[in-house]
């Protein structure tokens, strides 16, 4: 970690995350002034994860949510904060189709994916390397499957809970598949911090993010009230379920198994030729 000095006086930190109920839940306390930010001013920017991946490639943001897959291309400029990860513990992105299909049926088919640098895409390529990826905005994937423009679709965010309501069939839950392969949870997203901020400021940001997540978990109803504006059609019960899937103990801290899972996913991506280089994973230490 660089030791570049950085003043925290009246410093503005741009923090970006997805406009989803789980991210809104974990950033609730920071956005609503419930956390003592020690003089730092946080400006929140909400964009879909693939847009954030691309912005991080240009190092535009001090702190941002990114796909773990995208981190492979950012590790020279960003480190992974220990707090704020989205990790699927025996659940994760769901591969769905209009009619029942098996893994063998996916080979060579057109599959809608939410982005080439998403962890969902990386996991799917590890699950089945031979398919035609059709990049599609994540919130349009169910529609393109139903309209027969693709053979199958890879769902992230709320679609993981609602696909059955639209008559779609589960082909594979990639989080469960990954667990059966590795015994580990599937790391999907994380928060990264630009290393040129310098260690004192990075540690401060890390403390604030952890405090925000802890506040939301301790004040669940108020945080869920805040996150419902980003629930995209989920009722409160399903939104609560979705938040619980991706804001939990793993989110407070990766822990040894979470860190191992990140390293293994990126290692397997490299060994499979999906990621063109080995990745030196760097975690911020509180």
Protein backbone atom coordinates (compact mmCIF):
# COMPACT_ATOMS: atom_id res chain seq x y z
CA UNK A 1 0.00 0.00 0.00
CA UNK A 2 1.32 3.42 -0.89
CA UNK A 3 2.09 5.88 1.91
CA UNK A 4 1.30 8.99 -0.15
CA UNK A 5 0.23 11.74 2.23
CA UNK A 6 -3.31 13.03 1.85
CA UNK A 7 -5.08 15.72 3.82
CA UNK A 8 -8.53 14.82 5.11
CA UNK A 9 -9.59 18.41 5.79
CA UNK A 10 -12.80 19.13 3.88
CA UNK A 11 -11.85 16.32 1.53
CA UNK A 12 -14.55 15.08 -0.84
CA UNK A 13 -14.66 11.37 -1.55
CA UNK A 14 -16.73 10.17 -4.48
CA UNK A 15 -18.24 6.80 -3.64
CA UNK A 16 -20.14 4.92 -6.33
CA UNK A 17 -22.39 1.91 -6.10
CA UNK A 18 -25.27 0.23 -7.88
CA UNK A 19 -28.84 1.56 -7.55
CA UNK A 20 -29.93 -1.68 -5.89
CA UNK A 21 -31.63 -2.39 -2.60
CA UNK A 22 -28.63 -4.20 -1.13
CA UNK A 23 -26.12 -1.45 -1.94
CA UNK A 24 -28.58 1.22 -0.80
CA UNK A 25 -28.98 -0.69 2.46
CA UNK A 26 -25.26 -0.84 3.19
CA UNK A 27 -24.66 2.81 2.26
CA UNK A 28 -27.78 4.09 4.05
CA UNK A 29 -26.01 5.40 7.14
CA UNK A 30 -23.28 7.08 5.12
CA UNK A 31 -25.79 8.71 2.77
CA UNK A 32 -28.06 9.89 5.59
CA UNK A 33 -25.39 11.29 7.90
CA UNK A 34 -25.68 8.55 10.52
CA UNK A 35 -21.90 7.99 10.58
CA UNK A 36 -19.24 10.36 11.91
CA UNK A 37 -17.12 10.89 8.80
CA UNK A 38 -14.38 12.79 10.64
CA UNK A 39 -14.51 15.77 8.31
CA UNK A 40 -14.74 13.81 5.06
CA UNK A 41 -17.56 14.65 2.68
CA UNK A 42 -18.97 11.73 0.70
CA UNK A 43 -20.67 12.29 -2.65
CA UNK A 44 -22.68 9.25 -3.76
CA UNK A 45 -22.99 8.24 -7.42
CA UNK A 46 -25.36 5.47 -8.49
CA UNK A 47 -24.76 3.53 -11.69
CA UNK A 48 -25.17 -0.08 -12.85
CA UNK A 49 -22.23 -2.33 -12.04
CA UNK A 50 -20.89 -2.62 -15.59
CA UNK A 51 -20.76 1.19 -15.85
CA UNK A 52 -18.90 1.30 -12.53
CA UNK A 53 -16.48 -1.34 -13.78
CA UNK A 54 -15.72 0.83 -16.81
CA UNK A 55 -15.35 4.01 -14.73
CA UNK A 56 -12.96 2.23 -12.41
CA UNK A 57 -10.88 1.20 -15.42
CA UNK A 58 -10.37 4.93 -15.96
CA UNK A 59 -9.64 5.45 -12.22
CA UNK A 60 -12.35 8.15 -12.10
CA UNK A 61 -13.65 7.35 -8.62
CA UNK A 62 -11.91 7.25 -5.27
CA UNK A 63 -14.19 4.52 -3.90
CA UNK A 64 -16.49 2.33 -5.96
CA UNK A 65 -18.28 -0.97 -6.07
CA UNK A 66 -16.87 -3.22 -8.77
CA UNK A 67 -17.23 -6.80 -9.88
CA UNK A 68 -14.56 -9.09 -8.46
CA UNK A 69 -13.89 -10.08 -12.07
CA UNK A 70 -13.27 -6.45 -13.01
CA UNK A 71 -10.83 -6.12 -10.10
CA UNK A 72 -8.44 -8.32 -12.09
CA UNK A 73 -7.93 -5.32 -14.39
CA UNK A 74 -7.78 -2.73 -11.59
CA UNK A 75 -5.39 -4.23 -9.06
CA UNK A 76 -2.54 -1.89 -10.01
CA UNK A 77 -4.59 1.18 -9.02
CA UNK A 78 -7.14 -0.06 -6.49
CA UNK A 79 -7.16 -2.23 -3.37
CA UNK A 80 -10.13 -4.18 -2.07
CA UNK A 81 -11.72 -2.73 1.05
CA UNK A 82 -12.50 -5.43 3.62
CA UNK A 83 -16.10 -4.23 3.95
CA UNK A 84 -19.01 -4.08 1.53
CA UNK A 85 -18.58 -7.28 -0.46
CA UNK A 86 -21.47 -9.08 -2.12
CA UNK A 87 -20.83 -12.78 -1.61
CA UNK A 88 -23.19 -15.61 -2.48
CA UNK A 89 -23.06 -18.36 0.12
CA UNK A 90 -24.45 -21.30 -1.88
CA UNK A 91 -26.46 -18.93 -4.10
CA UNK A 92 -25.59 -16.44 -6.78
CA UNK A 93 -26.28 -15.47 -10.40
CA UNK A 94 -28.90 -17.67 -11.95
CA UNK A 95 -28.83 -19.06 -15.47
CA UNK A 96 -32.41 -19.31 -16.72
CA UNK A 97 -34.25 -20.31 -19.88
CA UNK A 98 -37.78 -20.37 -21.30
CA UNK A 99 -37.94 -24.16 -21.11
CA UNK A 100 -36.14 -26.67 -18.88
CA UNK A 101 -32.51 -27.07 -20.00
CA UNK A 102 -29.44 -28.86 -18.69
CA UNK A 103 -25.85 -27.71 -18.60
CA UNK A 104 -25.18 -29.72 -21.78
CA UNK A 105 -27.95 -27.80 -23.56
CA UNK A 106 -26.14 -24.48 -22.99
CA UNK A 107 -23.13 -25.38 -25.10
CA UNK A 108 -23.00 -23.20 -28.20
CA UNK A 109 -26.16 -21.28 -27.29
CA UNK A 110 -26.75 -17.51 -27.18
CA UNK A 111 -26.77 -16.38 -23.56
CA UNK A 112 -27.62 -12.85 -22.38
CA UNK A 113 -25.07 -11.65 -19.82
CA UNK A 114 -24.94 -8.40 -17.80
CA UNK A 115 -21.41 -7.44 -18.85
CA UNK A 116 -18.06 -8.90 -19.90
CA UNK A 117 -16.31 -7.85 -16.68
CA UNK A 118 -19.03 -9.03 -14.31
CA UNK A 119 -18.30 -11.87 -11.92
CA UNK A 120 -21.48 -13.54 -13.15
CA UNK A 121 -19.97 -13.82 -16.63
CA UNK A 122 -16.67 -15.15 -15.25
CA UNK A 123 -18.49 -17.80 -13.21
CA UNK A 124 -20.59 -18.81 -16.21
CA UNK A 125 -17.49 -19.20 -18.40
CA UNK A 126 -15.98 -21.43 -15.72
CA UNK A 127 -19.24 -23.40 -15.55
CA UNK A 128 -19.56 -23.76 -19.35
CA UNK A 129 -16.87 -22.22 -21.56
CA UNK A 130 -18.65 -22.71 -24.89
CA UNK A 131 -21.49 -20.24 -25.44
CA UNK A 132 -22.12 -17.00 -27.32
CA UNK A 133 -22.28 -14.10 -24.90
CA UNK A 134 -24.83 -11.40 -25.71
CA UNK A 135 -24.16 -8.33 -23.56
CA UNK A 136 -27.50 -6.99 -22.30
CA UNK A 137 -28.45 -4.45 -19.61
CA UNK A 138 -29.06 -6.52 -16.48
CA UNK A 139 -32.66 -5.35 -16.11
CA UNK A 140 -33.55 -6.40 -19.69
CA UNK A 141 -32.21 -9.96 -19.57
CA UNK A 142 -35.49 -11.62 -18.62
CA UNK A 143 -37.23 -9.79 -21.47
CA UNK A 144 -34.73 -10.88 -24.13
CA UNK A 145 -35.03 -14.49 -22.96
CA UNK A 146 -38.82 -14.37 -23.03
CA UNK A 147 -38.83 -12.73 -26.48
CA UNK A 148 -36.62 -15.55 -27.84
CA UNK A 149 -33.78 -13.21 -28.86
CA UNK A 150 -31.45 -15.42 -26.83
CA UNK A 151 -31.60 -19.01 -25.66
CA UNK A 152 -30.84 -18.32 -22.00
CA UNK A 153 -30.03 -15.46 -19.66
CA UNK A 154 -27.81 -14.85 -16.67
CA UNK A 155 -29.65 -12.99 -13.91
CA UNK A 156 -28.13 -10.81 -11.21
CA UNK A 157 -29.72 -8.49 -8.63
CA UNK A 158 -33.46 -8.89 -7.98
CA UNK A 159 -34.01 -11.17 -10.97
CA UNK A 160 -32.49 -13.96 -8.89
CA UNK A 161 -35.71 -13.97 -6.84
CA UNK A 162 -38.34 -13.13 -9.45
CA UNK A 163 -37.53 -15.17 -12.57
CA UNK A 164 -40.06 -17.87 -11.67
CA UNK A 165 -42.85 -15.28 -11.59
CA UNK A 166 -42.28 -14.79 -15.32
CA UNK A 167 -42.33 -18.49 -16.12
CA UNK A 168 -38.57 -18.88 -16.57
CA UNK A 169 -36.79 -22.10 -15.61
CA UNK A 170 -33.59 -22.42 -13.61
CA UNK A 171 -30.72 -24.06 -15.46
CA UNK A 172 -28.08 -23.47 -12.79
CA UNK A 173 -27.47 -21.44 -9.66
CA UNK A 174 -23.81 -20.52 -10.10
CA UNK A 175 -23.32 -19.88 -6.40
CA UNK A 176 -24.40 -23.41 -5.53
CA UNK A 177 -22.32 -24.82 -8.40
CA UNK A 178 -19.24 -22.91 -7.19
CA UNK A 179 -19.75 -24.22 -3.65
CA UNK A 180 -19.97 -27.79 -4.91
CA UNK A 181 -16.73 -27.25 -6.86
CA UNK A 182 -14.74 -25.44 -4.18
CA UNK A 183 -16.50 -25.54 -0.81
CA UNK A 184 -16.34 -21.74 -0.80
CA UNK A 185 -18.83 -18.90 -1.24
CA UNK A 186 -18.92 -17.10 -4.59
CA UNK A 187 -17.48 -13.55 -4.40
CA UNK A 188 -19.41 -11.34 -6.80
CA UNK A 189 -18.78 -7.70 -5.95
CA UNK A 190 -16.55 -5.67 -3.70
CA UNK A 191 -15.71 -2.10 -2.84
CA UNK A 192 -12.35 -0.81 -3.97
CA UNK A 193 -10.36 2.26 -2.99
CA UNK A 194 -7.81 4.05 -5.13
CA UNK A 195 -4.37 3.40 -3.71
CA UNK A 196 -3.09 6.91 -4.41
CA UNK A 197 -5.28 8.28 -1.60
CA UNK A 198 -2.62 7.18 0.83
CA UNK A 199 -2.84 4.82 3.78
CA UNK A 200 -4.24 7.18 6.49
CA UNK A 201 -7.15 8.27 4.29
CA UNK A 202 -7.78 4.75 3.03
CA UNK A 203 -8.05 3.42 6.58
CA UNK A 204 -10.45 6.23 7.45
CA UNK A 205 -12.69 5.43 4.47
CA UNK A 206 -12.60 1.77 5.43
CA UNK A 207 -13.74 2.58 8.98
CA UNK A 208 -16.62 4.69 7.69
CA UNK A 209 -17.82 2.01 5.31
CA UNK A 210 -17.77 -0.63 8.03
CA UNK A 211 -19.63 1.71 10.38
CA UNK A 212 -22.30 2.31 7.72
CA UNK A 213 -22.87 -1.41 7.15
CA UNK A 214 -22.95 -2.13 10.89
CA UNK A 215 -25.44 0.71 11.46
CA UNK A 216 -27.74 -0.68 8.74
CA UNK A 217 -27.61 -4.19 10.20
CA UNK A 218 -28.35 -2.78 13.67
CA UNK A 219 -31.19 -0.55 12.36
CA UNK A 220 -32.59 -2.93 9.78
CA UNK A 221 -36.11 -1.51 9.42
CA UNK A 222 -34.94 2.08 8.83
CA UNK A 223 -32.24 0.93 6.42
CA UNK A 224 -34.78 -1.23 4.58
CA UNK A 225 -37.15 1.75 4.35
CA UNK A 226 -34.34 3.66 2.62
CA UNK A 227 -33.45 0.79 0.29
CA UNK A 228 -37.03 0.17 -0.88
CA UNK A 229 -36.77 3.08 -3.33
CA UNK A 230 -34.25 0.95 -5.25
CA UNK A 231 -36.07 -2.39 -4.95
CA UNK A 232 -37.30 -2.41 -8.60
CA UNK A 233 -40.70 -3.91 -8.02
CA UNK A 234 -39.89 -6.24 -5.13
CA UNK A 235 -42.35 -6.21 -2.28
CA UNK A 236 -40.91 -5.52 1.16
CA UNK A 237 -40.64 -9.19 2.06
CA UNK A 238 -38.66 -10.08 -1.06
CA UNK A 239 -36.54 -6.94 -0.74
CA UNK A 240 -35.72 -7.97 2.83
CA UNK A 241 -34.76 -11.43 1.58
CA UNK A 242 -32.58 -9.99 -1.16
CA UNK A 243 -30.84 -7.60 1.22
CA UNK A 244 -30.21 -10.49 3.61
CA UNK A 245 -28.59 -12.47 0.81
CA UNK A 246 -25.99 -9.82 0.09
CA UNK A 247 -25.64 -7.72 3.26
CA UNK A 248 -24.56 -9.97 6.12
CA UNK A 249 -21.47 -11.09 8.04
CA UNK A 250 -19.57 -11.54 4.77
CA UNK A 251 -20.30 -7.89 3.99
CA UNK A 252 -18.87 -6.68 7.29
CA UNK A 253 -15.61 -8.48 6.52
CA UNK A 254 -14.47 -11.05 3.95
CA UNK A 255 -12.68 -13.07 6.61
CA UNK A 256 -10.15 -15.75 5.62
CA UNK A 257 -12.64 -17.85 3.61
CA UNK A 258 -13.95 -14.83 1.73
CA UNK A 259 -10.44 -13.70 0.84
CA UNK A 260 -9.56 -17.24 -0.23
CA UNK A 261 -12.64 -17.31 -2.45
CA UNK A 262 -11.62 -14.06 -4.19
CA UNK A 263 -8.12 -15.34 -4.88
CA UNK A 264 -9.40 -18.71 -6.11
CA UNK A 265 -12.01 -17.23 -8.47
CA UNK A 266 -9.42 -14.98 -10.10
CA UNK A 267 -6.85 -17.79 -10.20
CA UNK A 268 -9.32 -20.09 -11.94
CA UNK A 269 -10.20 -17.30 -14.35
CA UNK A 270 -6.53 -16.95 -15.27
CA UNK A 271 -5.97 -20.71 -15.58
CA UNK A 272 -9.00 -20.96 -17.89
CA UNK A 273 -7.64 -18.20 -20.13
CA UNK A 274 -10.52 -15.83 -19.35
CA UNK A 275 -8.31 -13.40 -17.43
CA UNK A 276 -5.08 -12.75 -19.39
CA UNK A 277 -2.75 -12.36 -16.40
CA UNK A 278 -2.29 -13.53 -12.84
CA UNK A 279 -3.83 -11.17 -10.28
CA UNK A 280 -2.05 -9.99 -7.14
CA UNK A 281 -5.01 -9.41 -4.83
CA UNK A 282 -4.50 -6.66 -2.25
CA UNK A 283 -6.86 -6.19 0.69
CA UNK A 284 -6.89 -3.10 2.88
CA UNK A 285 -6.14 -4.00 6.50
CA UNK A 286 -7.96 -2.07 9.22
